[in-house]
Amino acid sequence: MNGMKNRMVIVVIAIAMIAGMLACGTGGLLSRNEPTATPTKTPKPTFTDTLTPTNTPVPTDTPTPTNTPTDTPPPTNTPIVYTATPTETPTNTPVPTNTPKPTAKPKPRPTSTPTRKPGPTKTPVPQFAWTGQVDNRLQNCGLTRVFGFTLAQNGALAGDIWVHYWADGWEGAWAKSGWTDFGAGTSWKGDEGNWDGTIDVRARDGVWHTCVVDKQNSWTCISNTVDAATSSNCETGNQIYHITFRKN
């Protein structure tokens, strides 16, 4: 394309030069027939140097490469295996709850409690109408015996009271108390008493039970039961027990 443009430019320039030469020749012929005029100096035309175009080589057409068939085996269909990667299921993390702060309970104001004066303590009611206890133990090789007093609440002698004495396997006997003691005076010490329960005229081993009963030949104790353990050894053991029953 550039070569064609250069050729056209050269042709145009040549045509312009030929036309200029023909114009100059025609002017000379016309001047012969016309009156002579005072010639005026016509300025010579100035020619602008025209750059000579350089021949740009036309690019040669590069032959299109032909497809050379090669014996290439057809591609085999390789099966695509998709492996499913399990997606981890997000666990629901519990949102922490705002734990309410415990409210401080107002401390109760101490109240002044009037101090109560302790009143008289009540004496517990006795279980029985009479209470018995052992006052003394004696040794006697020729006698096994239980005896003593029955006293009223004020400590005076109480007569006509029945005392039952017995042992396991033996129903025993009943002794009635008198209004006077059979000892010396009213000191009520030693062998004094107002009821007597002689068991044997020798030293015997045994445990004898005694209590106040409501009447003769009764087994209903209206006092606590007092036990007396005797021994046949009159040197180391006891054979006589002094027991006092007092009304509550």
Protein backbone atom coordinates (compact mmCIF):
# COMPACT_ATOMS: atom_id res chain seq x y z
CA MET A 1 0.00 0.00 0.00
CA ASN A 2 2.78 2.44 0.82
CA GLY A 3 4.44 1.65 -2.57
CA MET A 4 1.25 2.54 -4.42
CA LYS A 5 0.95 5.87 -2.60
CA ASN A 6 4.55 6.75 -3.50
CA ARG A 7 3.99 5.98 -7.15
CA MET A 8 0.91 8.19 -7.29
CA VAL A 9 2.80 11.10 -5.77
CA ILE A 10 5.54 10.78 -8.40
CA VAL A 11 3.01 10.74 -11.25
CA VAL A 12 1.24 13.86 -9.93
CA ILE A 13 4.50 15.75 -9.63
CA ALA A 14 5.51 14.80 -13.22
CA ILE A 15 2.18 15.96 -14.60
CA ALA A 16 2.56 19.32 -12.83
CA MET A 17 5.99 19.89 -14.32
CA ILE A 18 4.83 19.09 -17.85
CA ALA A 19 1.92 21.49 -17.47
CA GLY A 20 4.25 24.25 -16.35
CA MET A 21 6.52 23.80 -19.35
CA LEU A 22 3.58 23.92 -21.77
CA ALA A 23 2.35 27.15 -20.19
CA CYS A 24 5.69 28.85 -20.68
CA GLY A 25 5.79 27.88 -24.42
CA THR A 26 2.33 29.16 -25.12
CA GLY A 27 3.12 32.51 -23.53
CA GLY A 28 6.02 33.07 -26.00
CA LEU A 29 3.82 32.48 -28.98
CA LEU A 30 1.22 34.90 -27.80
CA SER A 31 3.78 37.61 -27.22
CA ARG A 32 4.72 37.70 -30.87
CA ASN A 33 1.35 38.82 -32.09
CA GLU A 34 0.50 41.29 -29.36
CA PRO A 35 2.04 44.78 -28.95
CA THR A 36 5.08 44.97 -27.04
CA ALA A 37 4.60 45.87 -23.48
CA THR A 38 7.03 47.01 -21.08
CA PRO A 39 8.23 43.86 -19.64
CA THR A 40 8.01 43.62 -15.98
CA LYS A 41 10.20 41.47 -14.01
CA THR A 42 8.29 38.45 -13.08
CA PRO A 43 9.64 36.91 -9.98
CA LYS A 44 10.99 33.53 -10.52
CA PRO A 45 8.97 30.86 -8.97
CA THR A 46 10.48 29.27 -6.03
CA PHE A 47 10.46 25.53 -5.92
CA THR A 48 10.02 23.69 -2.77
CA ASP A 49 12.28 20.74 -2.45
CA THR A 50 10.19 17.66 -2.57
CA LEU A 51 11.46 14.84 -0.52
CA THR A 52 12.21 11.85 -2.63
CA PRO A 53 10.19 9.03 -1.28
CA THR A 54 12.11 6.02 -0.25
CA ASN A 55 11.04 2.65 -1.50
CA THR A 56 9.60 0.80 1.39
CA PRO A 57 9.86 -2.90 0.75
CA VAL A 58 6.52 -4.52 0.39
CA PRO A 59 6.17 -7.32 2.93
CA THR A 60 6.05 -10.68 1.41
CA ASP A 61 3.13 -12.92 2.10
CA THR A 62 4.10 -15.58 4.61
CA PRO A 63 2.71 -18.92 3.45
CA THR A 64 0.08 -20.31 5.78
CA PRO A 65 1.33 -23.52 7.38
CA THR A 66 -0.56 -26.56 6.31
CA ASN A 67 -1.93 -28.93 8.86
CA THR A 68 0.11 -32.08 8.75
CA PRO A 69 -2.01 -34.89 10.01
CA THR A 70 -0.32 -37.02 12.61
CA ASP A 71 -1.48 -40.34 13.77
CA THR A 72 -2.64 -39.27 17.20
CA PRO A 73 -4.89 -41.71 18.97
CA PRO A 74 -8.26 -40.27 19.89
CA PRO A 75 -8.50 -39.14 23.48
CA THR A 76 -10.08 -41.58 25.79
CA ASN A 77 -12.95 -40.51 27.98
CA THR A 78 -11.58 -40.56 31.48
CA PRO A 79 -14.47 -40.66 33.93
CA ILE A 80 -14.41 -37.78 36.33
CA VAL A 81 -15.08 -38.93 39.86
CA TYR A 82 -16.44 -36.31 42.16
CA THR A 83 -15.79 -36.94 45.79
CA ALA A 84 -18.21 -35.26 48.09
CA THR A 85 -16.47 -33.64 50.99
CA PRO A 86 -18.87 -33.48 53.90
CA THR A 87 -19.45 -30.00 55.08
CA GLU A 88 -19.10 -29.61 58.79
CA THR A 89 -22.34 -28.54 60.30
CA PRO A 90 -21.69 -25.60 62.59
CA THR A 91 -22.68 -26.31 66.10
CA ASN A 92 -24.94 -23.88 67.77
CA THR A 93 -22.87 -22.33 70.49
CA PRO A 94 -25.24 -21.28 73.24
CA VAL A 95 -25.29 -17.61 73.78
CA PRO A 96 -24.24 -16.89 77.34
CA THR A 97 -27.13 -15.64 79.33
CA ASN A 98 -26.74 -12.79 81.65
CA THR A 99 -26.88 -14.28 85.08
CA PRO A 100 -28.57 -11.81 87.36
CA LYS A 101 -26.46 -10.80 90.27
CA PRO A 102 -27.92 -11.84 93.58
CA THR A 103 -29.49 -8.98 95.34
CA ALA A 104 -28.25 -8.42 98.80
CA LYS A 105 -30.99 -9.08 101.26
CA PRO A 106 -31.30 -6.41 103.86
CA LYS A 107 -30.16 -7.63 107.19
CA PRO A 108 -32.89 -7.46 109.76
CA ARG A 109 -32.23 -5.06 112.49
CA PRO A 110 -31.64 -6.73 115.78
CA THR A 111 -34.60 -6.40 118.01
CA SER A 112 -34.24 -6.19 121.68
CA THR A 113 -35.88 -9.26 123.15
CA PRO A 114 -36.82 -8.83 126.75
CA THR A 115 -35.02 -11.27 128.95
CA ARG A 116 -37.43 -13.44 130.81
CA LYS A 117 -36.60 -14.34 134.32
CA PRO A 118 -36.46 -18.07 134.79
CA GLY A 119 -39.46 -19.29 136.65
CA PRO A 120 -39.53 -22.09 139.14
CA THR A 121 -38.78 -25.44 137.57
CA LYS A 122 -41.57 -27.92 137.81
CA THR A 123 -40.79 -31.07 139.65
CA PRO A 124 -41.47 -34.02 137.42
CA VAL A 125 -44.40 -36.09 138.47
CA PRO A 126 -43.14 -39.41 139.89
CA GLN A 127 -44.14 -42.55 138.07
CA PHE A 128 -45.22 -44.30 141.27
CA ALA A 129 -46.95 -43.22 144.45
CA TRP A 130 -44.01 -44.51 146.55
CA THR A 131 -40.23 -44.50 146.10
CA GLY A 132 -37.94 -47.10 147.66
CA GLN A 133 -34.17 -47.29 148.15
CA VAL A 134 -31.55 -49.40 150.03
CA ASP A 135 -30.36 -47.64 153.19
CA ASN A 136 -27.96 -50.25 154.57
CA ARG A 137 -26.45 -53.74 154.05
CA LEU A 138 -25.55 -56.09 156.88
CA GLN A 139 -23.76 -59.41 157.32
CA ASN A 140 -25.35 -62.21 159.34
CA CYS A 141 -24.47 -65.87 158.91
CA GLY A 142 -27.69 -67.03 160.60
CA LEU A 143 -30.27 -64.94 158.71
CA THR A 144 -31.43 -63.85 155.22
CA ARG A 145 -33.74 -60.88 155.53
CA VAL A 146 -35.23 -57.66 153.96
CA PHE A 147 -36.87 -55.06 156.22
CA GLY A 148 -37.19 -51.30 156.76
CA PHE A 149 -39.63 -48.43 156.97
CA THR A 150 -42.72 -47.09 155.21
CA LEU A 151 -42.84 -43.31 155.71
CA ALA A 152 -45.33 -40.57 154.85
CA GLN A 153 -44.40 -37.48 152.82
CA ASN A 154 -43.45 -35.59 156.03
CA GLY A 155 -41.16 -38.45 157.12
CA ALA A 156 -43.47 -39.84 159.82
CA LEU A 157 -44.21 -43.53 160.06
CA ALA A 158 -46.97 -44.75 157.74
CA GLY A 159 -48.73 -47.93 158.91
CA ASP A 160 -51.00 -50.45 157.27
CA ILE A 161 -48.87 -50.44 154.10
CA TRP A 162 -48.24 -53.74 152.35
CA VAL A 163 -44.73 -54.65 151.05
CA HIS A 164 -44.32 -57.61 148.70
CA TYR A 165 -40.95 -59.43 148.52
CA TRP A 166 -40.24 -62.32 146.10
CA ALA A 167 -37.63 -63.97 143.87
CA ASP A 168 -37.60 -65.40 140.35
CA GLY A 169 -39.39 -68.75 140.65
CA TRP A 170 -40.77 -67.93 144.10
CA GLU A 171 -43.93 -65.88 144.62
CA GLY A 172 -42.64 -64.60 147.95
CA ALA A 173 -44.63 -63.12 150.83
CA TRP A 174 -46.33 -59.88 151.99
CA ALA A 175 -45.40 -57.83 155.05
CA LYS A 176 -47.67 -55.19 156.64
CA SER A 177 -46.06 -52.09 158.17
CA GLY A 178 -46.99 -50.92 161.68
CA TRP A 179 -47.46 -47.52 163.25
CA THR A 180 -44.53 -47.96 165.57
CA ASP A 181 -41.03 -49.09 164.87
CA PHE A 182 -39.68 -52.22 166.49
CA GLY A 183 -36.26 -50.68 167.13
CA ALA A 184 -34.95 -48.63 169.99
CA GLY A 185 -36.41 -45.12 170.12
CA THR A 186 -37.15 -43.07 167.01
CA SER A 187 -33.63 -42.76 165.63
CA TRP A 188 -34.52 -45.34 162.97
CA LYS A 189 -30.97 -46.50 162.49
CA GLY A 190 -29.42 -49.91 162.49
CA ASP A 191 -32.07 -52.60 162.81
CA GLU A 192 -35.01 -50.29 163.29
CA GLY A 193 -38.04 -50.59 161.01
CA ASN A 194 -41.83 -51.02 160.90
CA TRP A 195 -42.02 -53.81 158.32
CA ASP A 196 -40.08 -57.09 158.20
CA GLY A 197 -39.57 -59.78 155.58
CA THR A 198 -37.58 -62.73 156.89
CA ILE A 199 -36.59 -65.11 154.08
CA ASP A 200 -34.50 -67.79 155.84
CA VAL A 201 -32.67 -68.46 159.13
CA ARG A 202 -29.40 -69.10 157.32
CA ALA A 203 -27.25 -67.33 154.78
CA ARG A 204 -28.58 -67.85 151.24
CA ASP A 205 -27.65 -66.86 147.74
CA GLY A 206 -30.31 -65.02 145.82
CA VAL A 207 -31.76 -61.80 144.44
CA TRP A 208 -34.89 -60.62 146.24
CA HIS A 209 -37.34 -58.09 144.79
CA THR A 210 -39.36 -55.72 146.98
CA CYS A 211 -42.07 -53.11 146.28
CA VAL A 212 -45.11 -51.47 147.88
CA VAL A 213 -48.40 -52.93 146.65
CA ASP A 214 -51.94 -51.64 146.85
CA LYS A 215 -53.20 -54.50 149.08
CA GLN A 216 -52.33 -57.89 150.54
CA ASN A 217 -51.55 -60.70 148.11
CA SER A 218 -51.42 -58.18 145.22
CA TRP A 219 -48.77 -58.16 142.53
CA THR A 220 -49.51 -54.58 141.52
CA CYS A 221 -46.54 -52.46 142.55
CA ILE A 222 -47.30 -48.85 143.43
CA SER A 223 -43.60 -48.12 143.96
CA ASN A 224 -40.40 -48.82 142.12
CA THR A 225 -38.91 -52.29 142.62
CA VAL A 226 -35.82 -52.49 144.86
CA ASP A 227 -33.52 -55.51 144.48
CA ALA A 228 -31.43 -57.09 147.28
CA ALA A 229 -28.64 -59.55 146.32
CA THR A 230 -27.62 -61.83 149.22
CA SER A 231 -24.76 -64.31 149.50
CA SER A 232 -24.20 -67.56 151.35
CA ASN A 233 -20.68 -66.38 152.20
CA CYS A 234 -21.22 -64.38 155.37
CA GLU A 235 -17.63 -63.13 155.41
CA THR A 236 -17.55 -61.49 151.97
CA GLY A 237 -21.24 -61.08 151.10
CA ASN A 238 -24.35 -59.47 152.58
CA GLN A 239 -27.36 -61.25 153.95
CA ILE A 240 -29.55 -58.43 155.36
CA TYR A 241 -30.85 -55.33 153.48
CA HIS A 242 -32.48 -52.30 155.11
CA ILE A 243 -34.98 -50.71 152.60
CA THR A 244 -37.10 -47.61 153.12
CA PHE A 245 -40.22 -46.74 151.07
CA ARG A 246 -41.49 -43.12 151.21
CA LYS A 247 -44.73 -41.75 149.86
CA ASN A 248 -44.31 -39.18 147.04
